[in-house]
């Protein structure tokens, strides 16, 4: 498990609200196919936390990256190698009623 931050740039003309549980959780993907192969495995029971990004601004948002395997062929953990991560952002103050968008696949190197 790795805690990092995701830089979110708001290119729109209005403030952006991102609903989280205190952080955004990323999944590990195969960079060639986009198939989800792993991520964080566990419960996260934190309160609703809204991160605001002003129009034209860039802000860091806490990012949780887990490497538990979701694919039996890989074993229990995603093995060392070149992978990608992708996070889904909920763009609004109400998670059930707000649209979501995925980040592009970002590079991830697992060394052990």
PDB file of N, CA and C in Angstrom:
ATOM      1  N   UNK A   1       0.845  -1.176   0.000  1.00  0.00           N
ATOM      2  CA  UNK A   1       0.000   0.000   0.000  1.00  0.00           C
ATOM      3  C   UNK A   1       0.889   1.237   0.000  1.00  0.00           C
ATOM      4  N   UNK A   2       0.535   2.187  -0.835  1.00  0.00           N
ATOM      5  CA  UNK A   2       1.291   3.429  -0.956  1.00  0.00           C
ATOM      6  C   UNK A   2       0.332   4.603  -0.868  1.00  0.00           C
ATOM      7  N   UNK A   3       0.708   5.598  -0.111  1.00  0.00           N
ATOM      8  CA  UNK A   3      -0.064   6.847  -0.060  1.00  0.00           C
ATOM      9  C   UNK A   3       0.750   7.898  -0.808  1.00  0.00           C
ATOM     10  N   UNK A   4       0.083   8.558  -1.717  1.00  0.00           N
ATOM     11  CA  UNK A   4       0.729   9.546  -2.574  1.00  0.00           C
ATOM     12  C   UNK A   4      -0.266  10.679  -2.743  1.00  0.00           C
ATOM     13  N   UNK A   5      -0.099  11.516  -3.739  1.00  0.00           N
ATOM     14  CA  UNK A   5      -1.115  12.524  -4.045  1.00  0.00           C
ATOM     15  C   UNK A   5      -1.309  12.589  -5.554  1.00  0.00           C
ATOM     16  N   UNK A   6      -2.506  12.956  -5.920  1.00  0.00           N
ATOM     17  CA  UNK A   6      -2.903  13.108  -7.315  1.00  0.00           C
ATOM     18  C   UNK A   6      -3.083  14.593  -7.562  1.00  0.00           C
ATOM     19  N   UNK A   7      -2.363  15.151  -8.523  1.00  0.00           N
ATOM     20  CA  UNK A   7      -2.529  16.567  -8.850  1.00  0.00           C
ATOM     21  C   UNK A   7      -3.711  16.712  -9.789  1.00  0.00           C
ATOM     22  N   UNK A   8      -4.704  17.474  -9.372  1.00  0.00           N
ATOM     23  CA  UNK A   8      -5.901  17.713 -10.169  1.00  0.00           C
ATOM     24  C   UNK A   8      -5.873  19.147 -10.657  1.00  0.00           C
ATOM     25  N   UNK A   9      -5.904  19.299 -11.974  1.00  0.00           N
ATOM     26  CA  UNK A   9      -5.916  20.627 -12.593  1.00  0.00           C
ATOM     27  C   UNK A   9      -7.324  20.910 -13.092  1.00  0.00           C
ATOM     28  N   UNK A  10      -7.855  22.057 -12.705  1.00  0.00           N
ATOM     29  CA  UNK A  10      -9.200  22.455 -13.100  1.00  0.00           C
ATOM     30  C   UNK A  10      -9.100  23.411 -14.289  1.00  0.00           C
ATOM     31  N   UNK A  11      -9.423  22.900 -15.461  1.00  0.00           N
ATOM     32  CA  UNK A  11      -9.358  23.718 -16.674  1.00  0.00           C
ATOM     33  C   UNK A  11     -10.677  24.417 -16.983  1.00  0.00           C
ATOM     34  N   UNK A  12     -11.677  24.214 -16.126  1.00  0.00           N
ATOM     35  CA  UNK A  12     -12.983  24.830 -16.372  1.00  0.00           C
ATOM     36  C   UNK A  12     -13.005  26.258 -15.831  1.00  0.00           C
ATOM     37  N   UNK A  13     -14.075  26.930 -16.058  1.00  0.00           N
ATOM     38  CA  UNK A  13     -14.234  28.302 -15.600  1.00  0.00           C
ATOM     39  C   UNK A  13     -14.945  28.412 -14.267  1.00  0.00           C
ATOM     40  N   UNK A  14     -15.167  27.287 -13.592  1.00  0.00           N
ATOM     41  CA  UNK A  14     -15.842  27.327 -12.285  1.00  0.00           C
ATOM     42  C   UNK A  14     -15.142  26.386 -11.319  1.00  0.00           C
ATOM     43  N   UNK A  15     -15.381  26.610 -10.024  1.00  0.00           N
ATOM     44  CA  UNK A  15     -14.762  25.770  -9.007  1.00  0.00           C
ATOM     45  C   UNK A  15     -15.234  24.329  -9.139  1.00  0.00           C
ATOM     46  N   UNK A  16     -14.358  23.422  -8.798  1.00  0.00           N
ATOM     47  CA  UNK A  16     -14.620  21.996  -8.900  1.00  0.00           C
ATOM     48  C   UNK A  16     -14.642  21.414  -7.494  1.00  0.00           C
ATOM     49  N   UNK A  17     -15.617  20.549  -7.213  1.00  0.00           N
ATOM     50  CA  UNK A  17     -15.685  19.849  -5.942  1.00  0.00           C
ATOM     51  C   UNK A  17     -15.507  18.364  -6.218  1.00  0.00           C
ATOM     52  N   UNK A  18     -14.641  17.714  -5.447  1.00  0.00           N
ATOM     53  CA  UNK A  18     -14.385  16.293  -5.615  1.00  0.00           C
ATOM     54  C   UNK A  18     -14.731  15.601  -4.298  1.00  0.00           C
ATOM     55  N   UNK A  19     -15.738  14.717  -4.347  1.00  0.00           N
ATOM     56  CA  UNK A  19     -16.189  13.996  -3.159  1.00  0.00           C
ATOM     57  C   UNK A  19     -15.293  12.777  -2.944  1.00  0.00           C
ATOM     58  N   UNK A  20     -14.771  12.630  -1.732  1.00  0.00           N
ATOM     59  CA  UNK A  20     -13.901  11.513  -1.391  1.00  0.00           C
ATOM     60  C   UNK A  20     -14.234  11.016   0.017  1.00  0.00           C
ATOM     61  N   UNK A  21     -13.540   9.979   0.435  1.00  0.00           N
ATOM     62  CA  UNK A  21     -13.604   9.539   1.829  1.00  0.00           C
ATOM     63  C   UNK A  21     -12.329   9.990   2.553  1.00  0.00           C
ATOM     64  N   UNK A  22     -11.740  11.058   2.085  1.00  0.00           N
ATOM     65  CA  UNK A  22     -10.495  11.576   2.634  1.00  0.00           C
ATOM     66  C   UNK A  22      -9.326  11.348   1.701  1.00  0.00           C
ATOM     67  N   UNK A  23      -9.559  10.518   0.690  1.00  0.00           N
ATOM     68  CA  UNK A  23      -8.550  10.213  -0.315  1.00  0.00           C
ATOM     69  C   UNK A  23      -9.240   9.592  -1.514  1.00  0.00           C
ATOM     70  N   UNK A  24      -8.532   9.505  -2.603  1.00  0.00           N
ATOM     71  CA  UNK A  24      -9.015   8.821  -3.799  1.00  0.00           C
ATOM     72  C   UNK A  24      -8.262   7.496  -3.874  1.00  0.00           C
ATOM     73  N   UNK A  25      -8.962   6.412  -4.151  1.00  0.00           N
ATOM     74  CA  UNK A  25      -8.320   5.100  -4.280  1.00  0.00           C
ATOM     75  C   UNK A  25      -8.105   4.781  -5.751  1.00  0.00           C
ATOM     76  N   UNK A  26      -6.886   4.367  -6.069  1.00  0.00           N
ATOM     77  CA  UNK A  26      -6.546   3.993  -7.443  1.00  0.00           C
ATOM     78  C   UNK A  26      -6.602   2.478  -7.598  1.00  0.00           C
ATOM     79  N   UNK A  27      -6.845   2.029  -8.815  1.00  0.00           N
ATOM     80  CA  UNK A  27      -6.722   0.615  -9.143  1.00  0.00           C
ATOM     81  C   UNK A  27      -5.472   0.447  -9.996  1.00  0.00           C
ATOM     82  N   UNK A  28      -4.903  -0.753  -9.949  1.00  0.00           N
ATOM     83  CA  UNK A  28      -3.741  -1.070 -10.781  1.00  0.00           C
ATOM     84  C   UNK A  28      -4.270  -1.702 -12.059  1.00  0.00           C
ATOM     85  N   UNK A  29      -3.776  -1.228 -13.193  1.00  0.00           N
ATOM     86  CA  UNK A  29      -4.255  -1.717 -14.480  1.00  0.00           C
ATOM     87  C   UNK A  29      -3.087  -2.190 -15.341  1.00  0.00           C
ATOM     88  N   UNK A  30      -3.409  -3.092 -16.263  1.00  0.00           N
ATOM     89  CA  UNK A  30      -2.454  -3.492 -17.286  1.00  0.00           C
ATOM     90  C   UNK A  30      -2.387  -2.329 -18.274  1.00  0.00           C
ATOM     91  N   UNK A  31      -1.230  -1.697 -18.447  1.00  0.00           N
ATOM     92  CA  UNK A  31      -1.166  -0.507 -19.298  1.00  0.00           C
ATOM     93  C   UNK A  31      -1.442  -0.798 -20.771  1.00  0.00           C
ATOM     94  N   UNK A  32      -1.279  -2.037 -21.190  1.00  0.00           N
ATOM     95  CA  UNK A  32      -1.532  -2.389 -22.589  1.00  0.00           C
ATOM     96  C   UNK A  32      -3.020  -2.539 -22.881  1.00  0.00           C
ATOM     97  N   UNK A  33      -3.768  -3.115 -21.936  1.00  0.00           N
ATOM     98  CA  UNK A  33      -5.181  -3.427 -22.179  1.00  0.00           C
ATOM     99  C   UNK A  33      -6.145  -2.565 -21.383  1.00  0.00           C
ATOM    100  N   UNK A  34      -5.662  -1.940 -20.306  1.00  0.00           N
ATOM    101  CA  UNK A  34      -6.541  -1.179 -19.426  1.00  0.00           C
ATOM    102  C   UNK A  34      -7.302  -2.058 -18.445  1.00  0.00           C
ATOM    103  N   UNK A  35      -7.056  -3.385 -18.457  1.00  0.00           N
ATOM    104  CA  UNK A  35      -7.748  -4.309 -17.556  1.00  0.00           C
ATOM    105  C   UNK A  35      -7.314  -4.047 -16.115  1.00  0.00           C
ATOM    106  N   UNK A  36      -8.287  -3.963 -15.208  1.00  0.00           N
ATOM    107  CA  UNK A  36      -7.992  -3.791 -13.788  1.00  0.00           C
ATOM    108  C   UNK A  36      -7.454  -5.110 -13.244  1.00  0.00           C
ATOM    109  N   UNK A  37      -6.257  -5.069 -12.647  1.00  0.00           N
ATOM    110  CA  UNK A  37      -5.638  -6.294 -12.133  1.00  0.00           C
ATOM    111  C   UNK A  37      -5.420  -6.250 -10.622  1.00  0.00           C
ATOM    112  N   UNK A  38      -5.575  -5.097  -9.990  1.00  0.00           N
ATOM    113  CA  UNK A  38      -5.356  -5.027  -8.556  1.00  0.00           C
ATOM    114  C   UNK A  38      -5.744  -3.692  -7.977  1.00  0.00           C
ATOM    115  N   UNK A  39      -5.525  -3.576  -6.670  1.00  0.00           N
ATOM    116  CA  UNK A  39      -5.844  -2.342  -5.967  1.00  0.00           C
ATOM    117  C   UNK A  39      -5.838  -2.565  -4.478  1.00  0.00           C
ATOM    118  N   UNK A  40      -6.423  -1.650  -3.752  1.00  0.00           N
ATOM    119  CA  UNK A  40      -6.498  -1.744  -2.294  1.00  0.00           C
ATOM    120  C   UNK A  40      -7.548  -2.763  -1.912  1.00  0.00           C
ATOM    121  N   UNK A  41      -7.219  -3.590  -0.937  1.00  0.00           N
ATOM    122  CA  UNK A  41      -8.163  -4.582  -0.439  1.00  0.00           C
ATOM    123  C   UNK A  41      -8.347  -4.333   1.054  1.00  0.00           C
ATOM    124  N   UNK A  42      -9.508  -3.884   1.421  1.00  0.00           N
ATOM    125  CA  UNK A  42      -9.781  -3.586   2.821  1.00  0.00           C
ATOM    126  C   UNK A  42     -10.931  -2.608   2.898  1.00  0.00           C
ATOM    127  N   UNK A  43     -11.339  -2.315   4.105  1.00  0.00           N
ATOM    128  CA  UNK A  43     -12.451  -1.389   4.264  1.00  0.00           C
ATOM    129  C   UNK A  43     -11.939   0.011   4.556  1.00  0.00           C
ATOM    130  N   UNK A  44     -12.670   0.979   4.053  1.00  0.00           N
ATOM    131  CA  UNK A  44     -12.364   2.390   4.284  1.00  0.00           C
ATOM    132  C   UNK A  44     -13.651   3.050   4.760  1.00  0.00           C
ATOM    133  N   UNK A  45     -13.724   3.344   6.028  1.00  0.00           N
ATOM    134  CA  UNK A  45     -14.947   3.924   6.575  1.00  0.00           C
ATOM    135  C   UNK A  45     -14.668   5.310   7.131  1.00  0.00           C
ATOM    136  N   UNK A  46     -14.363   6.212   6.235  1.00  0.00           N
ATOM    137  CA  UNK A  46     -14.098   7.576   6.634  1.00  0.00           C
ATOM    138  C   UNK A  46     -15.254   8.457   6.202  1.00  0.00           C
ATOM    139  N   UNK A  47     -15.407   9.621   6.818  1.00  0.00           N
ATOM    140  CA  UNK A  47     -16.508  10.509   6.463  1.00  0.00           C
ATOM    141  C   UNK A  47     -16.312  11.150   5.090  1.00  0.00           C
ATOM    142  N   UNK A  48     -17.382  11.718   4.582  1.00  0.00           N
ATOM    143  CA  UNK A  48     -17.324  12.442   3.311  1.00  0.00           C
ATOM    144  C   UNK A  48     -16.409  13.655   3.458  1.00  0.00           C
ATOM    145  N   UNK A  49     -15.413  13.746   2.591  1.00  0.00           N
ATOM    146  CA  UNK A  49     -14.481  14.880   2.564  1.00  0.00           C
ATOM    147  C   UNK A  49     -14.497  15.441   1.152  1.00  0.00           C
ATOM    148  N   UNK A  50     -14.784  16.727   1.032  1.00  0.00           N
ATOM    149  CA  UNK A  50     -14.829  17.397  -0.266  1.00  0.00           C
ATOM    150  C   UNK A  50     -13.528  18.170  -0.469  1.00  0.00           C
ATOM    151  N   UNK A  51     -12.860  17.916  -1.589  1.00  0.00           N
ATOM    152  CA  UNK A  51     -11.695  18.700  -1.979  1.00  0.00           C
ATOM    153  C   UNK A  51     -12.148  19.685  -3.044  1.00  0.00           C
ATOM    154  N   UNK A  52     -11.739  20.933  -2.890  1.00  0.00           N
ATOM    155  CA  UNK A  52     -12.117  21.976  -3.838  1.00  0.00           C
ATOM    156  C   UNK A  52     -10.900  22.406  -4.643  1.00  0.00           C
ATOM    157  N   UNK A  53     -11.134  22.544  -5.961  1.00  0.00           N
ATOM    158  CA  UNK A  53     -10.087  23.024  -6.854  1.00  0.00           C
ATOM    159  C   UNK A  53     -10.663  24.229  -7.576  1.00  0.00           C
ATOM    160  N   UNK A  54     -10.093  25.393  -7.339  1.00  0.00           N
ATOM    161  CA  UNK A  54     -10.588  26.626  -7.946  1.00  0.00           C
ATOM    162  C   UNK A  54     -10.363  26.599  -9.457  1.00  0.00           C
ATOM    163  N   UNK A  55     -11.176  27.369 -10.166  1.00  0.00           N
ATOM    164  CA  UNK A  55     -11.037  27.476 -11.626  1.00  0.00           C
ATOM    165  C   UNK A  55      -9.608  27.898 -11.962  1.00  0.00           C
ATOM    166  N   UNK A  56      -8.975  27.151 -12.864  1.00  0.00           N
ATOM    167  CA  UNK A  56      -7.620  27.460 -13.291  1.00  0.00           C
ATOM    168  C   UNK A  56      -6.518  27.007 -12.350  1.00  0.00           C
ATOM    169  N   UNK A  57      -6.876  26.409 -11.223  1.00  0.00           N
ATOM    170  CA  UNK A  57      -5.880  26.013 -10.221  1.00  0.00           C
ATOM    171  C   UNK A  57      -5.537  24.530 -10.323  1.00  0.00           C
ATOM    172  N   UNK A  58      -4.460  24.146  -9.661  1.00  0.00           N
ATOM    173  CA  UNK A  58      -4.058  22.749  -9.525  1.00  0.00           C
ATOM    174  C   UNK A  58      -3.882  22.467  -8.044  1.00  0.00           C
ATOM    175  N   UNK A  59      -4.488  21.380  -7.572  1.00  0.00           N
ATOM    176  CA  UNK A  59      -4.417  21.031  -6.156  1.00  0.00           C
ATOM    177  C   UNK A  59      -4.094  19.548  -5.989  1.00  0.00           C
ATOM    178  N   UNK A  60      -3.311  19.206  -4.961  1.00  0.00           N
ATOM    179  CA  UNK A  60      -3.061  17.789  -4.676  1.00  0.00           C
ATOM    180  C   UNK A  60      -4.215  17.183  -3.875  1.00  0.00           C
ATOM    181  N   UNK A  61      -4.564  15.954  -4.202  1.00  0.00           N
ATOM    182  CA  UNK A  61      -5.585  15.210  -3.471  1.00  0.00           C
ATOM    183  C   UNK A  61      -4.930  13.909  -3.013  1.00  0.00           C
ATOM    184  N   UNK A  62      -5.102  13.519  -1.744  1.00  0.00           N
ATOM    185  CA  UNK A  62      -4.491  12.277  -1.277  1.00  0.00           C
ATOM    186  C   UNK A  62      -4.939  11.088  -2.136  1.00  0.00           C
ATOM    187  N   UNK A  63      -3.976  10.213  -2.445  1.00  0.00           N
ATOM    188  CA  UNK A  63      -4.213   9.061  -3.320  1.00  0.00           C
ATOM    189  C   UNK A  63      -3.736   7.802  -2.620  1.00  0.00           C
ATOM    190  N   UNK A  64      -4.577   6.780  -2.586  1.00  0.00           N
ATOM    191  CA  UNK A  64      -4.240   5.483  -2.000  1.00  0.00           C
ATOM    192  C   UNK A  64      -4.044   4.478  -3.127  1.00  0.00           C
ATOM    193  N   UNK A  65      -2.880   3.822  -3.143  1.00  0.00           N
ATOM    194  CA  UNK A  65      -2.581   2.812  -4.152  1.00  0.00           C
ATOM    195  C   UNK A  65      -2.307   1.505  -3.420  1.00  0.00           C
ATOM    196  N   UNK A  66      -3.108   0.489  -3.718  1.00  0.00           N
ATOM    197  CA  UNK A  66      -2.891  -0.835  -3.154  1.00  0.00           C
ATOM    198  C   UNK A  66      -2.516  -1.791  -4.266  1.00  0.00           C
ATOM    199  N   UNK A  67      -1.767  -2.834  -3.939  1.00  0.00           N
ATOM    200  CA  UNK A  67      -1.315  -3.767  -4.969  1.00  0.00           C
ATOM    201  C   UNK A  67      -1.806  -5.191  -4.725  1.00  0.00           C
ATOM    202  N   UNK A  68      -2.907  -5.342  -3.999  1.00  0.00           N
ATOM    203  CA  UNK A  68      -3.507  -6.668  -3.872  1.00  0.00           C
ATOM    204  C   UNK A  68      -4.018  -7.086  -5.248  1.00  0.00           C
ATOM    205  N   UNK A  69      -3.782  -8.318  -5.622  1.00  0.00           N
ATOM    206  CA  UNK A  69      -4.202  -8.799  -6.939  1.00  0.00           C
ATOM    207  C   UNK A  69      -5.697  -9.098  -6.950  1.00  0.00           C
ATOM    208  N   UNK A  70      -6.367  -8.702  -8.023  1.00  0.00           N
ATOM    209  CA  UNK A  70      -7.772  -9.056  -8.250  1.00  0.00           C
ATOM    210  C   UNK A  70      -7.865 -10.183  -9.273  1.00  0.00           C
ATOM    211  N   UNK A  71      -6.723 -10.619  -9.781  1.00  0.00           N
ATOM    212  CA  UNK A  71      -6.662 -11.610 -10.853  1.00  0.00           C
ATOM    213  C   UNK A  71      -5.945 -12.858 -10.335  1.00  0.00           C
ATOM    214  N   UNK A  72      -6.627 -14.016 -10.272  1.00  0.00           N
ATOM    215  CA  UNK A  72      -5.996 -15.226  -9.730  1.00  0.00           C
ATOM    216  C   UNK A  72      -4.682 -15.610 -10.420  1.00  0.00           C
ATOM    217  N   UNK A  73      -4.550 -15.334 -11.710  1.00  0.00           N
ATOM    218  CA  UNK A  73      -3.334 -15.701 -12.437  1.00  0.00           C
ATOM    219  C   UNK A  73      -2.094 -14.983 -11.901  1.00  0.00           C
ATOM    220  N   UNK A  74      -2.274 -13.821 -11.258  1.00  0.00           N
ATOM    221  CA  UNK A  74      -1.137 -13.058 -10.749  1.00  0.00           C
ATOM    222  C   UNK A  74      -0.737 -13.461  -9.331  1.00  0.00           C
ATOM    223  N   UNK A  75      -1.561 -14.226  -8.651  1.00  0.00           N
ATOM    224  CA  UNK A  75      -1.291 -14.569  -7.257  1.00  0.00           C
ATOM    225  C   UNK A  75      -1.941 -13.560  -6.326  1.00  0.00           C
ATOM    226  N   UNK A  76      -1.376 -13.422  -5.132  1.00  0.00           N
ATOM    227  CA  UNK A  76      -1.977 -12.554  -4.116  1.00  0.00           C
ATOM    228  C   UNK A  76      -1.690 -11.076  -4.309  1.00  0.00           C
ATOM    229  N   UNK A  77      -0.557 -10.775  -4.901  1.00  0.00           N
ATOM    230  CA  UNK A  77      -0.187  -9.372  -5.121  1.00  0.00           C
ATOM    231  C   UNK A  77       0.207  -9.173  -6.583  1.00  0.00           C
ATOM    232  N   UNK A  78       0.065  -7.957  -7.042  1.00  0.00           N
ATOM    233  CA  UNK A  78       0.506  -7.627  -8.395  1.00  0.00           C
ATOM    234  C   UNK A  78       2.032  -7.722  -8.393  1.00  0.00           C
ATOM    235  N   UNK A  79       2.618  -8.518  -9.292  1.00  0.00           N
ATOM    236  CA  UNK A  79       4.070  -8.721  -9.261  1.00  0.00           C
ATOM    237  C   UNK A  79       4.847  -7.496  -9.736  1.00  0.00           C
ATOM    238  N   UNK A  80       6.141  -7.524  -9.454  1.00  0.00           N
ATOM    239  CA  UNK A  80       7.037  -6.446  -9.883  1.00  0.00           C
ATOM    240  C   UNK A  80       6.956  -6.276 -11.395  1.00  0.00           C
ATOM    241  N   UNK A  81       7.056  -5.041 -11.833  1.00  0.00           N
ATOM    242  CA  UNK A  81       7.014  -4.753 -13.260  1.00  0.00           C
ATOM    243  C   UNK A  81       6.419  -3.385 -13.527  1.00  0.00           C
ATOM    244  N   UNK A  82       6.168  -3.133 -14.799  1.00  0.00           N
ATOM    245  CA  UNK A  82       5.599  -1.852 -15.233  1.00  0.00           C
ATOM    246  C   UNK A  82       4.086  -2.000 -15.348  1.00  0.00           C
ATOM    247  N   UNK A  83       3.364  -1.223 -14.586  1.00  0.00           N
ATOM    248  CA  UNK A  83       1.908  -1.259 -14.550  1.00  0.00           C
ATOM    249  C   UNK A  83       1.382   0.164 -14.709  1.00  0.00           C
ATOM    250  N   UNK A  84       0.099   0.321 -14.571  1.00  0.00           N
ATOM    251  CA  UNK A  84      -0.511   1.635 -14.575  1.00  0.00           C
ATOM    252  C   UNK A  84      -1.460   1.752 -13.403  1.00  0.00           C
ATOM    253  N   UNK A  85      -1.830   2.964 -13.065  1.00  0.00           N
ATOM    254  CA  UNK A  85      -2.889   3.187 -12.078  1.00  0.00           C
ATOM    255  C   UNK A  85      -3.927   4.096 -12.703  1.00  0.00           C
ATOM    256  N   UNK A  86      -5.145   3.956 -12.201  1.00  0.00           N
ATOM    257  CA  UNK A  86      -6.237   4.801 -12.666  1.00  0.00           C
ATOM    258  C   UNK A  86      -7.170   5.044 -11.483  1.00  0.00           C
ATOM    259  N   UNK A  87      -7.617   6.274 -11.346  1.00  0.00           N
ATOM    260  CA  UNK A  87      -8.520   6.633 -10.255  1.00  0.00           C
ATOM    261  C   UNK A  87      -9.800   7.211 -10.833  1.00  0.00           C
ATOM    262  N   UNK A  88     -10.899   6.985 -10.120  1.00  0.00           N
ATOM    263  CA  UNK A  88     -12.184   7.559 -10.507  1.00  0.00           C
ATOM    264  C   UNK A  88     -12.496   8.702  -9.554  1.00  0.00           C
ATOM    265  N   UNK A  89     -12.769   9.867 -10.113  1.00  0.00           N
ATOM    266  CA  UNK A  89     -13.089  11.059  -9.327  1.00  0.00           C
ATOM    267  C   UNK A  89     -14.583  11.327  -9.392  1.00  0.00           C
ATOM    268  N   UNK A  90     -15.194  11.561  -8.233  1.00  0.00           N
ATOM    269  CA  UNK A  90     -16.602  11.953  -8.164  1.00  0.00           C
ATOM    270  C   UNK A  90     -16.644  13.471  -8.146  1.00  0.00           C
ATOM    271  N   UNK A  91     -17.184  14.064  -9.216  1.00  0.00           N
ATOM    272  CA  UNK A  91     -17.122  15.519  -9.405  1.00  0.00           C
ATOM    273  C   UNK A  91     -18.394  16.201  -8.919  1.00  0.00           C
ATOM    274  N   UNK A  92     -18.480  16.370  -7.627  1.00  0.00           N
ATOM    275  CA  UNK A  92     -19.623  17.035  -7.029  1.00  0.00           C
ATOM    276  C   UNK A  92     -19.698  16.708  -5.559  1.00  0.00           C
ATOM    277  N   UNK A  93     -20.541  17.427  -4.827  1.00  0.00           N
ATOM    278  CA  UNK A  93     -20.591  17.258  -3.380  1.00  0.00           C
ATOM    279  C   UNK A  93     -21.399  16.049  -2.909  1.00  0.00           C
ATOM    280  N   UNK A  94     -22.192  15.465  -3.781  1.00  0.00           N
ATOM    281  CA  UNK A  94     -23.052  14.347  -3.388  1.00  0.00           C
ATOM    282  C   UNK A  94     -22.678  13.112  -4.203  1.00  0.00           C
ATOM    283  N   UNK A  95     -21.971  12.141  -3.593  1.00  0.00           N
ATOM    284  CA  UNK A  95     -21.457  10.997  -4.348  1.00  0.00           C
ATOM    285  C   UNK A  95     -22.511  10.243  -5.166  1.00  0.00           C
ATOM    286  N   UNK A  96     -23.717  10.128  -4.671  1.00  0.00           N
ATOM    287  CA  UNK A  96     -24.740   9.383  -5.422  1.00  0.00           C
ATOM    288  C   UNK A  96     -25.279  10.145  -6.621  1.00  0.00           C
ATOM    289  N   UNK A  97     -25.253  11.473  -6.562  1.00  0.00           N
ATOM    290  CA  UNK A  97     -25.876  12.289  -7.602  1.00  0.00           C
ATOM    291  C   UNK A  97     -24.876  13.021  -8.486  1.00  0.00           C
ATOM    292  N   UNK A  98     -23.601  12.775  -8.306  1.00  0.00           N
ATOM    293  CA  UNK A  98     -22.582  13.521  -9.041  1.00  0.00           C
ATOM    294  C   UNK A  98     -21.949  12.661 -10.131  1.00  0.00           C
ATOM    295  N   UNK A  99     -21.572  13.285 -11.240  1.00  0.00           N
ATOM    296  CA  UNK A  99     -20.907  12.514 -12.296  1.00  0.00           C
ATOM    297  C   UNK A  99     -19.507  12.096 -11.849  1.00  0.00           C
ATOM    298  N   UNK A 100     -18.993  11.049 -12.453  1.00  0.00           N
ATOM    299  CA  UNK A 100     -17.630  10.632 -12.155  1.00  0.00           C
ATOM    300  C   UNK A 100     -16.828  10.569 -13.446  1.00  0.00           C
ATOM    301  N   UNK A 101     -15.530  10.753 -13.307  1.00  0.00           N
ATOM    302  CA  UNK A 101     -14.610  10.710 -14.437  1.00  0.00           C
ATOM    303  C   UNK A 101     -13.364   9.954 -13.999  1.00  0.00           C
ATOM    304  N   UNK A 102     -12.803   9.185 -14.927  1.00  0.00           N
ATOM    305  CA  UNK A 102     -11.569   8.455 -14.637  1.00  0.00           C
ATOM    306  C   UNK A 102     -10.363   9.242 -15.124  1.00  0.00           C
ATOM    307  N   UNK A 103      -9.286   9.110 -14.388  1.00  0.00           N
ATOM    308  CA  UNK A 103      -8.026   9.713 -14.828  1.00  0.00           C
ATOM    309  C   UNK A 103      -7.492   8.902 -15.998  1.00  0.00           C
ATOM    310  N   UNK A 104      -6.572   9.466 -16.759  1.00  0.00           N
ATOM    311  CA  UNK A 104      -5.860   8.632 -17.730  1.00  0.00           C
ATOM    312  C   UNK A 104      -5.056   7.580 -16.965  1.00  0.00           C
ATOM    313  N   UNK A 105      -4.591   6.559 -17.657  1.00  0.00           N
ATOM    314  CA  UNK A 105      -3.734   5.573 -17.010  1.00  0.00           C
ATOM    315  C   UNK A 105      -2.367   6.226 -16.776  1.00  0.00           C
ATOM    316  N   UNK A 106      -1.945   6.232 -15.523  1.00  0.00           N
ATOM    317  CA  UNK A 106      -0.684   6.834 -15.125  1.00  0.00           C
ATOM    318  C   UNK A 106       0.323   5.725 -14.826  1.00  0.00           C
ATOM    319  N   UNK A 107       1.612   5.937 -15.096  1.00  0.00           N
ATOM    320  CA  UNK A 107       2.590   4.860 -14.927  1.00  0.00           C
ATOM    321  C   UNK A 107       2.840   4.503 -13.460  1.00  0.00           C
ATOM    322  N   UNK A 108       3.062   3.216 -13.210  1.00  0.00           N
ATOM    323  CA  UNK A 108       3.404   2.707 -11.892  1.00  0.00           C
ATOM    324  C   UNK A 108       4.449   1.616 -12.065  1.00  0.00           C
ATOM    325  N   UNK A 109       5.566   1.729 -11.369  1.00  0.00           N
ATOM    326  CA  UNK A 109       6.587   0.684 -11.374  1.00  0.00           C
ATOM    327  C   UNK A 109       6.572   0.010 -10.012  1.00  0.00           C
ATOM    328  N   UNK A 110       6.346  -1.287 -10.001  1.00  0.00           N
ATOM    329  CA  UNK A 110       6.384  -2.073  -8.769  1.00  0.00           C
ATOM    330  C   UNK A 110       7.746  -2.766  -8.745  1.00  0.00           C
ATOM    331  N   UNK A 111       8.499  -2.538  -7.659  1.00  0.00           N
ATOM    332  CA  UNK A 111       9.862  -3.063  -7.606  1.00  0.00           C
ATOM    333  C   UNK A 111       9.993  -4.307  -6.737  1.00  0.00           C
ATOM    334  N   UNK A 112       9.079  -4.543  -5.837  1.00  0.00           N
ATOM    335  CA  UNK A 112       9.173  -5.750  -5.010  1.00  0.00           C
ATOM    336  C   UNK A 112       7.810  -6.185  -4.549  1.00  0.00           C
TER     337      UNK A 112
END
